[in-house]
Protein backbone atom coordinates (compact mmCIF):
# COMPACT_ATOMS: atom_id res chain seq x y z
CA MET A 1 111.19 111.08 108.81
CA SER A 2 112.98 108.22 110.81
CA PRO A 3 116.39 107.99 109.39
CA ASP A 4 117.16 104.85 107.79
CA ASP A 5 120.46 103.94 105.79
CA ASN A 6 118.58 101.29 103.67
CA VAL A 7 115.83 103.61 102.48
CA LEU A 8 115.96 106.69 100.51
CA ALA A 9 112.64 108.79 101.99
CA PHE A 10 111.91 112.82 101.01
CA VAL A 11 108.85 114.91 101.03
CA GLN A 12 108.55 117.61 98.52
CA THR A 13 106.09 120.53 98.40
CA ALA A 14 105.02 122.03 94.98
CA SER A 15 101.90 124.23 94.17
CA GLY A 16 100.49 123.43 97.65
CA LYS A 17 100.37 119.73 96.80
CA SER A 18 102.93 117.30 98.98
CA VAL A 19 104.32 114.00 98.02
CA LEU A 20 106.25 111.74 99.91
CA VAL A 21 108.70 109.31 98.15
CA ALA A 22 110.09 106.42 99.64
CA LEU A 23 112.45 104.20 98.19
CA ASN A 24 114.13 100.83 99.84
CA PHE A 25 117.49 99.90 98.04
CA THR A 26 117.77 96.46 99.65
CA SER A 27 117.06 93.24 98.22
CA ARG A 28 115.47 92.82 101.99
CA PRO A 29 111.98 94.11 103.43
CA GLN A 30 112.15 97.23 105.27
CA THR A 31 109.21 99.07 107.32
CA VAL A 32 109.64 102.61 107.57
CA SER A 33 107.93 105.10 110.02
CA PHE A 34 107.41 108.88 108.90
CA ASN A 35 106.17 111.57 111.73
CA LEU A 36 104.98 114.40 109.40
CA GLN A 37 102.26 116.00 112.61
CA ALA A 38 99.50 116.70 109.73
CA GLY A 39 99.54 113.94 107.79
CA GLN A 40 100.00 110.30 109.20
CA GLN A 41 98.40 108.74 105.73
CA ALA A 42 99.44 108.66 102.15
CA THR A 43 97.56 108.36 98.84
CA THR A 44 99.66 105.77 96.45
CA ALA A 45 100.17 108.01 93.45
CA LEU A 46 102.70 105.19 92.21
CA SER A 47 104.10 102.42 93.85
CA SER A 48 105.61 98.55 93.17
CA PHE A 49 103.19 97.43 95.58
CA SER A 50 100.13 99.34 96.25
CA LYS A 51 97.52 100.16 93.92
CA ALA A 52 96.69 103.70 93.05
CA GLY A 53 94.55 105.89 95.19
CA GLN A 54 94.95 103.40 98.23
CA SER A 55 95.61 104.67 101.63
CA ASN A 56 98.70 104.05 103.52
CA ASN A 57 99.59 104.28 107.14
CA LEU A 58 102.70 106.18 107.22
CA LYS A 59 103.63 105.02 110.77
CA ASP A 60 104.78 101.29 109.45
CA LEU A 61 104.74 101.68 105.76
CA ALA A 62 106.21 98.14 104.48
CA LEU A 63 108.42 98.26 101.33
CA PRO A 64 109.00 95.13 99.83
CA PRO A 65 112.93 94.39 98.41
CA PHE A 66 113.83 97.06 96.13
CA GLY A 67 110.36 98.75 96.75
CA THR A 68 109.07 102.01 95.46
CA PHE A 69 106.63 104.56 96.94
CA VAL A 70 105.22 107.56 95.92
CA GLY A 71 101.68 109.43 97.31
CA GLN A 72 100.17 112.27 98.16
CA VAL A 73 100.19 113.79 101.98
CA ASP A 74 97.99 116.15 102.94
CA LEU A 75 100.30 118.63 104.99
CA SER A 76 97.14 121.10 105.73
CA ARG A 77 96.28 119.88 108.49
């Protein structure tokens, strides 16, 4: 993951499933890039801007002001 002082992001893995969480703590849009080697797409589980089940490109995830994103990532490839 690319470090960004404005966005808190982490991957949590449990029971064989991985979830990416990204939180924009600013009043300005932020675009973040994640290099997770195996998984470059995340399926939205919960978000303030993306519909559940939508596929999102992790190379340029655009977070709106104070935006939140939680998505399932397949890291098994």
